[in-house]
Amino acid sequence: MGFAVLKRSVSIAGHRTSISLEEPFWEGLREIAEREKISVQALIGRIDAERGEQNLSSAIRVFVLNDLRGRLVSDADQRIGGAP
């Protein structure tokens, strides 16, 4: 099960950079940005500002994974709390 790595160019803090991510991570970023009503570029800028010394592509992957985990836990809590 392989996914193609897609390279995209974005502007962060006034400079252009290229980011290489697998398509599912680009999709996850788009979904998160839509949910938060911001652009993908703005979301990447926020991740960049908070990543410390971590590689940007890795930071994005971890961000998307943590978002998914958080939603899964929230959904499970709602099901448990909503059960009779």
PDB file of N, CA and C in Angstrom:
ATOM      1  N   MET A   1       0.851  -1.175   0.000  1.00  0.00           N
ATOM      2  CA  MET A   1       0.000   0.000   0.000  1.00  0.00           C
ATOM      3  C   MET A   1       0.893   1.233   0.000  1.00  0.00           C
ATOM      4  N   GLY A   2       1.238   1.710  -1.175  1.00  0.00           N
ATOM      5  CA  GLY A   2       2.085   2.887  -1.267  1.00  0.00           C
ATOM      6  C   GLY A   2       1.305   4.091  -1.742  1.00  0.00           C
ATOM      7  N   PHE A   3       1.729   5.242  -1.303  1.00  0.00           N
ATOM      8  CA  PHE A   3       1.128   6.492  -1.726  1.00  0.00           C
ATOM      9  C   PHE A   3       2.208   7.352  -2.344  1.00  0.00           C
ATOM     10  N   ALA A   4       1.858   8.012  -3.413  1.00  0.00           N
ATOM     11  CA  ALA A   4       2.814   8.910  -4.063  1.00  0.00           C
ATOM     12  C   ALA A   4       3.098  10.105  -3.169  1.00  0.00           C
ATOM     13  N   VAL A   5       4.341  10.509  -3.156  1.00  0.00           N
ATOM     14  CA  VAL A   5       4.737  11.707  -2.423  1.00  0.00           C
ATOM     15  C   VAL A   5       4.567  12.883  -3.377  1.00  0.00           C
ATOM     16  N   LEU A   6       3.805  13.877  -2.935  1.00  0.00           N
ATOM     17  CA  LEU A   6       3.560  15.064  -3.743  1.00  0.00           C
ATOM     18  C   LEU A   6       4.312  16.242  -3.155  1.00  0.00           C
ATOM     19  N   LYS A   7       5.007  16.962  -3.997  1.00  0.00           N
ATOM     20  CA  LYS A   7       5.775  18.124  -3.567  1.00  0.00           C
ATOM     21  C   LYS A   7       4.987  19.373  -3.950  1.00  0.00           C
ATOM     22  N   ARG A   8       4.757  20.244  -2.967  1.00  0.00           N
ATOM     23  CA  ARG A   8       4.034  21.484  -3.211  1.00  0.00           C
ATOM     24  C   ARG A   8       4.845  22.644  -2.656  1.00  0.00           C
ATOM     25  N   SER A   9       4.721  23.767  -3.303  1.00  0.00           N
ATOM     26  CA  SER A   9       5.421  24.969  -2.885  1.00  0.00           C
ATOM     27  C   SER A   9       4.452  25.873  -2.127  1.00  0.00           C
ATOM     28  N   VAL A  10       4.885  26.353  -0.973  1.00  0.00           N
ATOM     29  CA  VAL A  10       4.073  27.262  -0.160  1.00  0.00           C
ATOM     30  C   VAL A  10       4.936  28.431   0.311  1.00  0.00           C
ATOM     31  N   SER A  11       4.270  29.482   0.712  1.00  0.00           N
ATOM     32  CA  SER A  11       4.964  30.641   1.272  1.00  0.00           C
ATOM     33  C   SER A  11       4.713  30.659   2.773  1.00  0.00           C
ATOM     34  N   ILE A  12       5.801  30.657   3.540  1.00  0.00           N
ATOM     35  CA  ILE A  12       5.713  30.661   5.002  1.00  0.00           C
ATOM     36  C   ILE A  12       6.574  31.798   5.520  1.00  0.00           C
ATOM     37  N   ALA A  13       5.973  32.660   6.311  1.00  0.00           N
ATOM     38  CA  ALA A  13       6.697  33.786   6.906  1.00  0.00           C
ATOM     39  C   ALA A  13       7.479  34.563   5.851  1.00  0.00           C
ATOM     40  N   GLY A  14       6.856  34.744   4.696  1.00  0.00           N
ATOM     41  CA  GLY A  14       7.458  35.557   3.654  1.00  0.00           C
ATOM     42  C   GLY A  14       8.474  34.878   2.761  1.00  0.00           C
ATOM     43  N   HIS A  15       8.709  33.593   2.927  1.00  0.00           N
ATOM     44  CA  HIS A  15       9.643  32.907   2.029  1.00  0.00           C
ATOM     45  C   HIS A  15       8.993  31.640   1.461  1.00  0.00           C
ATOM     46  N   ARG A  16       9.368  31.284   0.245  1.00  0.00           N
ATOM     47  CA  ARG A  16       8.843  30.105  -0.419  1.00  0.00           C
ATOM     48  C   ARG A  16       9.633  28.868   0.007  1.00  0.00           C
ATOM     49  N   THR A  17       8.912  27.783   0.190  1.00  0.00           N
ATOM     50  CA  THR A  17       9.552  26.516   0.500  1.00  0.00           C
ATOM     51  C   THR A  17       8.736  25.394  -0.126  1.00  0.00           C
ATOM     52  N   SER A  18       9.360  24.274  -0.349  1.00  0.00           N
ATOM     53  CA  SER A  18       8.670  23.103  -0.889  1.00  0.00           C
ATOM     54  C   SER A  18       8.473  22.087   0.222  1.00  0.00           C
ATOM     55  N   ILE A  19       7.308  21.478   0.205  1.00  0.00           N
ATOM     56  CA  ILE A  19       6.974  20.460   1.201  1.00  0.00           C
ATOM     57  C   ILE A  19       6.584  19.190   0.456  1.00  0.00           C
ATOM     58  N   SER A  20       7.169  18.072   0.851  1.00  0.00           N
ATOM     59  CA  SER A  20       6.853  16.773   0.256  1.00  0.00           C
ATOM     60  C   SER A  20       6.069  15.941   1.262  1.00  0.00           C
ATOM     61  N   LEU A  21       4.836  15.580   0.880  1.00  0.00           N
ATOM     62  CA  LEU A  21       3.970  14.762   1.725  1.00  0.00           C
ATOM     63  C   LEU A  21       3.200  13.775   0.862  1.00  0.00           C
ATOM     64  N   GLU A  22       2.817  12.674   1.453  1.00  0.00           N
ATOM     65  CA  GLU A  22       1.951  11.726   0.793  1.00  0.00           C
ATOM     66  C   GLU A  22       0.553  12.355   0.659  1.00  0.00           C
ATOM     67  N   GLU A  23      -0.175  11.968  -0.382  1.00  0.00           N
ATOM     68  CA  GLU A  23      -1.493  12.562  -0.651  1.00  0.00           C
ATOM     69  C   GLU A  23      -2.453  12.503   0.546  1.00  0.00           C
ATOM     70  N   PRO A  24      -2.509  11.394   1.323  1.00  0.00           N
ATOM     71  CA  PRO A  24      -3.428  11.391   2.468  1.00  0.00           C
ATOM     72  C   PRO A  24      -3.130  12.507   3.482  1.00  0.00           C
ATOM     73  N   PHE A  25      -1.871  12.897   3.618  1.00  0.00           N
ATOM     74  CA  PHE A  25      -1.552  13.994   4.538  1.00  0.00           C
ATOM     75  C   PHE A  25      -1.970  15.337   3.962  1.00  0.00           C
ATOM     76  N   TRP A  26      -1.833  15.527   2.635  1.00  0.00           N
ATOM     77  CA  TRP A  26      -2.339  16.754   2.008  1.00  0.00           C
ATOM     78  C   TRP A  26      -3.852  16.821   2.192  1.00  0.00           C
ATOM     79  N   GLU A  27      -4.534  15.693   2.019  1.00  0.00           N
ATOM     80  CA  GLU A  27      -5.985  15.658   2.200  1.00  0.00           C
ATOM     81  C   GLU A  27      -6.356  16.000   3.638  1.00  0.00           C
ATOM     82  N   GLY A  28      -5.622  15.427   4.594  1.00  0.00           N
ATOM     83  CA  GLY A  28      -5.875  15.724   6.001  1.00  0.00           C
ATOM     84  C   GLY A  28      -5.686  17.196   6.309  1.00  0.00           C
ATOM     85  N   LEU A  29      -4.632  17.796   5.766  1.00  0.00           N
ATOM     86  CA  LEU A  29      -4.408  19.233   5.965  1.00  0.00           C
ATOM     87  C   LEU A  29      -5.572  20.048   5.416  1.00  0.00           C
ATOM     88  N   ARG A  30      -6.043  19.701   4.225  1.00  0.00           N
ATOM     89  CA  ARG A  30      -7.172  20.431   3.620  1.00  0.00           C
ATOM     90  C   ARG A  30      -8.419  20.309   4.498  1.00  0.00           C
ATOM     91  N   GLU A  31      -8.683  19.123   5.003  1.00  0.00           N
ATOM     92  CA  GLU A  31      -9.861  18.908   5.854  1.00  0.00           C
ATOM     93  C   GLU A  31      -9.770  19.726   7.139  1.00  0.00           C
ATOM     94  N   ILE A  32      -8.607  19.728   7.764  1.00  0.00           N
ATOM     95  CA  ILE A  32      -8.419  20.495   8.995  1.00  0.00           C
ATOM     96  C   ILE A  32      -8.579  21.984   8.718  1.00  0.00           C
ATOM     97  N   ALA A  33      -7.966  22.459   7.635  1.00  0.00           N
ATOM     98  CA  ALA A  33      -8.059  23.882   7.286  1.00  0.00           C
ATOM     99  C   ALA A  33      -9.517  24.275   7.035  1.00  0.00           C
ATOM    100  N   GLU A  34     -10.259  23.441   6.326  1.00  0.00           N
ATOM    101  CA  GLU A  34     -11.678  23.724   6.086  1.00  0.00           C
ATOM    102  C   GLU A  34     -12.444  23.788   7.396  1.00  0.00           C
ATOM    103  N   ARG A  35     -12.198  22.837   8.274  1.00  0.00           N
ATOM    104  CA  ARG A  35     -12.886  22.797   9.566  1.00  0.00           C
ATOM    105  C   ARG A  35     -12.582  24.034  10.398  1.00  0.00           C
ATOM    106  N   GLU A  36     -11.334  24.505  10.316  1.00  0.00           N
ATOM    107  CA  GLU A  36     -10.922  25.675  11.101  1.00  0.00           C
ATOM    108  C   GLU A  36     -11.138  26.988  10.354  1.00  0.00           C
ATOM    109  N   LYS A  37     -11.654  26.875   9.110  1.00  0.00           N
ATOM    110  CA  LYS A  37     -11.956  28.038   8.279  1.00  0.00           C
ATOM    111  C   LYS A  37     -10.739  28.930   8.043  1.00  0.00           C
ATOM    112  N   ILE A  38      -9.609  28.266   7.733  1.00  0.00           N
ATOM    113  CA  ILE A  38      -8.382  28.970   7.358  1.00  0.00           C
ATOM    114  C   ILE A  38      -7.812  28.303   6.111  1.00  0.00           C
ATOM    115  N   SER A  39      -6.864  28.955   5.488  1.00  0.00           N
ATOM    116  CA  SER A  39      -6.236  28.358   4.305  1.00  0.00           C
ATOM    117  C   SER A  39      -5.237  27.281   4.732  1.00  0.00           C
ATOM    118  N   VAL A  40      -4.944  26.389   3.803  1.00  0.00           N
ATOM    119  CA  VAL A  40      -3.924  25.373   4.061  1.00  0.00           C
ATOM    120  C   VAL A  40      -2.596  26.061   4.346  1.00  0.00           C
ATOM    121  N   GLN A  41      -2.296  27.114   3.603  1.00  0.00           N
ATOM    122  CA  GLN A  41      -1.047  27.842   3.805  1.00  0.00           C
ATOM    123  C   GLN A  41      -0.973  28.437   5.218  1.00  0.00           C
ATOM    124  N   ALA A  42      -2.078  28.992   5.708  1.00  0.00           N
ATOM    125  CA  ALA A  42      -2.101  29.541   7.072  1.00  0.00           C
ATOM    126  C   ALA A  42      -1.908  28.431   8.101  1.00  0.00           C
ATOM    127  N   LEU A  43      -2.529  27.277   7.860  1.00  0.00           N
ATOM    128  CA  LEU A  43      -2.370  26.143   8.775  1.00  0.00           C
ATOM    129  C   LEU A  43      -0.930  25.669   8.791  1.00  0.00           C
ATOM    130  N   ILE A  44      -0.309  25.572   7.625  1.00  0.00           N
ATOM    131  CA  ILE A  44       1.101  25.179   7.560  1.00  0.00           C
ATOM    132  C   ILE A  44       1.969  26.210   8.286  1.00  0.00           C
ATOM    133  N   GLY A  45       1.650  27.483   8.145  1.00  0.00           N
ATOM    134  CA  GLY A  45       2.391  28.527   8.854  1.00  0.00           C
ATOM    135  C   GLY A  45       2.301  28.352  10.360  1.00  0.00           C
ATOM    136  N   ARG A  46       1.120  27.981  10.848  1.00  0.00           N
ATOM    137  CA  ARG A  46       0.946  27.756  12.292  1.00  0.00           C
ATOM    138  C   ARG A  46       1.759  26.549  12.753  1.00  0.00           C
ATOM    139  N   ILE A  47       1.721  25.478  11.968  1.00  0.00           N
ATOM    140  CA  ILE A  47       2.505  24.278  12.305  1.00  0.00           C
ATOM    141  C   ILE A  47       3.991  24.630  12.310  1.00  0.00           C
ATOM    142  N   ASP A  48       4.417  25.384  11.309  1.00  0.00           N
ATOM    143  CA  ASP A  48       5.820  25.801  11.209  1.00  0.00           C
ATOM    144  C   ASP A  48       6.248  26.587  12.441  1.00  0.00           C
ATOM    145  N   ALA A  49       5.406  27.494  12.894  1.00  0.00           N
ATOM    146  CA  ALA A  49       5.742  28.340  14.043  1.00  0.00           C
ATOM    147  C   ALA A  49       5.875  27.534  15.337  1.00  0.00           C
ATOM    148  N   GLU A  50       5.193  26.390  15.408  1.00  0.00           N
ATOM    149  CA  GLU A  50       5.165  25.594  16.643  1.00  0.00           C
ATOM    150  C   GLU A  50       6.074  24.372  16.608  1.00  0.00           C
ATOM    151  N   ARG A  51       6.776  24.132  15.505  1.00  0.00           N
ATOM    152  CA  ARG A  51       7.478  22.852  15.332  1.00  0.00           C
ATOM    153  C   ARG A  51       8.838  22.767  15.993  1.00  0.00           C
ATOM    154  N   GLY A  52       9.411  23.866  16.395  1.00  0.00           N
ATOM    155  CA  GLY A  52      10.748  23.825  16.987  1.00  0.00           C
ATOM    156  C   GLY A  52      11.773  23.391  15.956  1.00  0.00           C
ATOM    157  N   GLU A  53      12.595  22.399  16.300  1.00  0.00           N
ATOM    158  CA  GLU A  53      13.664  21.926  15.413  1.00  0.00           C
ATOM    159  C   GLU A  53      13.228  20.778  14.507  1.00  0.00           C
ATOM    160  N   GLN A  54      11.977  20.349  14.638  1.00  0.00           N
ATOM    161  CA  GLN A  54      11.483  19.219  13.856  1.00  0.00           C
ATOM    162  C   GLN A  54      11.374  19.591  12.371  1.00  0.00           C
ATOM    163  N   ASN A  55      11.671  18.648  11.507  1.00  0.00           N
ATOM    164  CA  ASN A  55      11.496  18.808  10.066  1.00  0.00           C
ATOM    165  C   ASN A  55      10.035  19.174   9.780  1.00  0.00           C
ATOM    166  N   LEU A  56       9.804  20.130   8.867  1.00  0.00           N
ATOM    167  CA  LEU A  56       8.450  20.609   8.609  1.00  0.00           C
ATOM    168  C   LEU A  56       7.531  19.504   8.094  1.00  0.00           C
ATOM    169  N   SER A  57       7.975  18.697   7.155  1.00  0.00           N
ATOM    170  CA  SER A  57       7.128  17.610   6.651  1.00  0.00           C
ATOM    171  C   SER A  57       6.754  16.643   7.775  1.00  0.00           C
ATOM    172  N   SER A  58       7.701  16.331   8.622  1.00  0.00           N
ATOM    173  CA  SER A  58       7.421  15.446   9.765  1.00  0.00           C
ATOM    174  C   SER A  58       6.451  16.100  10.735  1.00  0.00           C
ATOM    175  N   ALA A  59       6.643  17.394  10.989  1.00  0.00           N
ATOM    176  CA  ALA A  59       5.754  18.125  11.892  1.00  0.00           C
ATOM    177  C   ALA A  59       4.322  18.123  11.365  1.00  0.00           C
ATOM    178  N   ILE A  60       4.165  18.263  10.057  1.00  0.00           N
ATOM    179  CA  ILE A  60       2.831  18.234   9.454  1.00  0.00           C
ATOM    180  C   ILE A  60       2.205  16.854   9.616  1.00  0.00           C
ATOM    181  N   ARG A  61       2.973  15.810   9.359  1.00  0.00           N
ATOM    182  CA  ARG A  61       2.439  14.449   9.513  1.00  0.00           C
ATOM    183  C   ARG A  61       1.977  14.203  10.951  1.00  0.00           C
ATOM    184  N   VAL A  62       2.788  14.607  11.920  1.00  0.00           N
ATOM    185  CA  VAL A  62       2.432  14.422  13.332  1.00  0.00           C
ATOM    186  C   VAL A  62       1.196  15.248  13.680  1.00  0.00           C
ATOM    187  N   PHE A  63       1.110  16.469  13.158  1.00  0.00           N
ATOM    188  CA  PHE A  63      -0.041  17.332  13.405  1.00  0.00           C
ATOM    189  C   PHE A  63      -1.325  16.671  12.896  1.00  0.00           C
ATOM    190  N   VAL A  64      -1.287  16.168  11.657  1.00  0.00           N
ATOM    191  CA  VAL A  64      -2.462  15.522  11.071  1.00  0.00           C
ATOM    192  C   VAL A  64      -2.827  14.266  11.873  1.00  0.00           C
ATOM    193  N   LEU A  65      -1.836  13.477  12.256  1.00  0.00           N
ATOM    194  CA  LEU A  65      -2.081  12.278  13.052  1.00  0.00           C
ATOM    195  C   LEU A  65      -2.697  12.633  14.403  1.00  0.00           C
ATOM    196  N   ASN A  66      -2.158  13.653  15.077  1.00  0.00           N
ATOM    197  CA  ASN A  66      -2.693  14.053  16.382  1.00  0.00           C
ATOM    198  C   ASN A  66      -4.120  14.573  16.264  1.00  0.00           C
ATOM    199  N   ASP A  67      -4.411  15.284  15.172  1.00  0.00           N
ATOM    200  CA  ASP A  67      -5.772  15.763  14.958  1.00  0.00           C
ATOM    201  C   ASP A  67      -6.728  14.573  14.822  1.00  0.00           C
ATOM    202  N   LEU A  68      -6.334  13.594  14.033  1.00  0.00           N
ATOM    203  CA  LEU A  68      -7.163  12.399  13.844  1.00  0.00           C
ATOM    204  C   LEU A  68      -7.356  11.670  15.172  1.00  0.00           C
ATOM    205  N   ARG A  69      -6.292  11.491  15.904  1.00  0.00           N
ATOM    206  CA  ARG A  69      -6.400  10.818  17.209  1.00  0.00           C
ATOM    207  C   ARG A  69      -7.349  11.560  18.131  1.00  0.00           C
ATOM    208  N   GLY A  70      -7.219  12.878  18.169  1.00  0.00           N
ATOM    209  CA  GLY A  70      -8.088  13.690  19.024  1.00  0.00           C
ATOM    210  C   GLY A  70      -9.558  13.544  18.653  1.00  0.00           C
ATOM    211  N   ARG A  71      -9.843  13.501  17.352  1.00  0.00           N
ATOM    212  CA  ARG A  71     -11.229  13.343  16.919  1.00  0.00           C
ATOM    213  C   ARG A  71     -11.744  11.943  17.224  1.00  0.00           C
ATOM    214  N   LEU A  72     -10.897  10.936  17.091  1.00  0.00           N
ATOM    215  CA  LEU A  72     -11.323   9.565  17.405  1.00  0.00           C
ATOM    216  C   LEU A  72     -11.660   9.425  18.884  1.00  0.00           C
ATOM    217  N   VAL A  73     -10.833   9.999  19.740  1.00  0.00           N
ATOM    218  CA  VAL A  73     -11.084   9.947  21.185  1.00  0.00           C
ATOM    219  C   VAL A  73     -12.365  10.711  21.512  1.00  0.00           C
ATOM    220  N   SER A  74     -12.547  11.865  20.896  1.00  0.00           N
ATOM    221  CA  SER A  74     -13.739  12.667  21.131  1.00  0.00           C
ATOM    222  C   SER A  74     -14.994  11.915  20.700  1.00  0.00           C
ATOM    223  N   ASP A  75     -14.933  11.271  19.528  1.00  0.00           N
ATOM    224  CA  ASP A  75     -16.073  10.490  19.047  1.00  0.00           C
ATOM    225  C   ASP A  75     -16.376   9.326  19.993  1.00  0.00           C
ATOM    226  N   ALA A  76     -15.335   8.647  20.456  1.00  0.00           N
ATOM    227  CA  ALA A  76     -15.532   7.517  21.368  1.00  0.00           C
ATOM    228  C   ALA A  76     -16.124   8.002  22.688  1.00  0.00           C
ATOM    229  N   ASP A  77     -15.643   9.140  23.207  1.00  0.00           N
ATOM    230  CA  ASP A  77     -16.186   9.703  24.450  1.00  0.00           C
ATOM    231  C   ASP A  77     -17.657  10.057  24.294  1.00  0.00           C
ATOM    232  N   GLN A  78     -18.024  10.617  23.136  1.00  0.00           N
ATOM    233  CA  GLN A  78     -19.424  10.976  22.914  1.00  0.00           C
ATOM    234  C   GLN A  78     -20.300   9.733  22.861  1.00  0.00           C
ATOM    235  N   ARG A  79     -19.811   8.667  22.227  1.00  0.00           N
ATOM    236  CA  ARG A  79     -20.603   7.440  22.156  1.00  0.00           C
ATOM    237  C   ARG A  79     -20.784   6.844  23.554  1.00  0.00           C
ATOM    238  N   ILE A  80     -19.723   6.842  24.341  1.00  0.00           N
ATOM    239  CA  ILE A  80     -19.808   6.275  25.696  1.00  0.00           C
ATOM    240  C   ILE A  80     -20.707   7.132  26.563  1.00  0.00           C
ATOM    241  N   GLY A  81     -20.508   8.449  26.479  1.00  0.00           N
ATOM    242  CA  GLY A  81     -21.313   9.362  27.291  1.00  0.00           C
ATOM    243  C   GLY A  81     -22.768   9.416  26.857  1.00  0.00           C
ATOM    244  N   GLY A  82     -23.003   9.164  25.568  1.00  0.00           N
ATOM    245  CA  GLY A  82     -24.360   9.235  25.050  1.00  0.00           C
ATOM    246  C   GLY A  82     -25.120   7.924  25.143  1.00  0.00           C
ATOM    247  N   ALA A  83     -24.427   6.869  25.553  1.00  0.00           N
ATOM    248  CA  ALA A  83     -25.094   5.561  25.647  1.00  0.00           C
ATOM    249  C   ALA A  83     -26.019   5.531  26.837  1.00  0.00           C
ATOM    250  N   PRO A  84     -27.190   4.860  26.702  1.00  0.00           N
ATOM    251  CA  PRO A  84     -28.127   4.777  27.842  1.00  0.00           C
ATOM    252  C   PRO A  84     -27.603   3.923  28.958  1.00  0.00           C
TER     253      PRO A  84
END
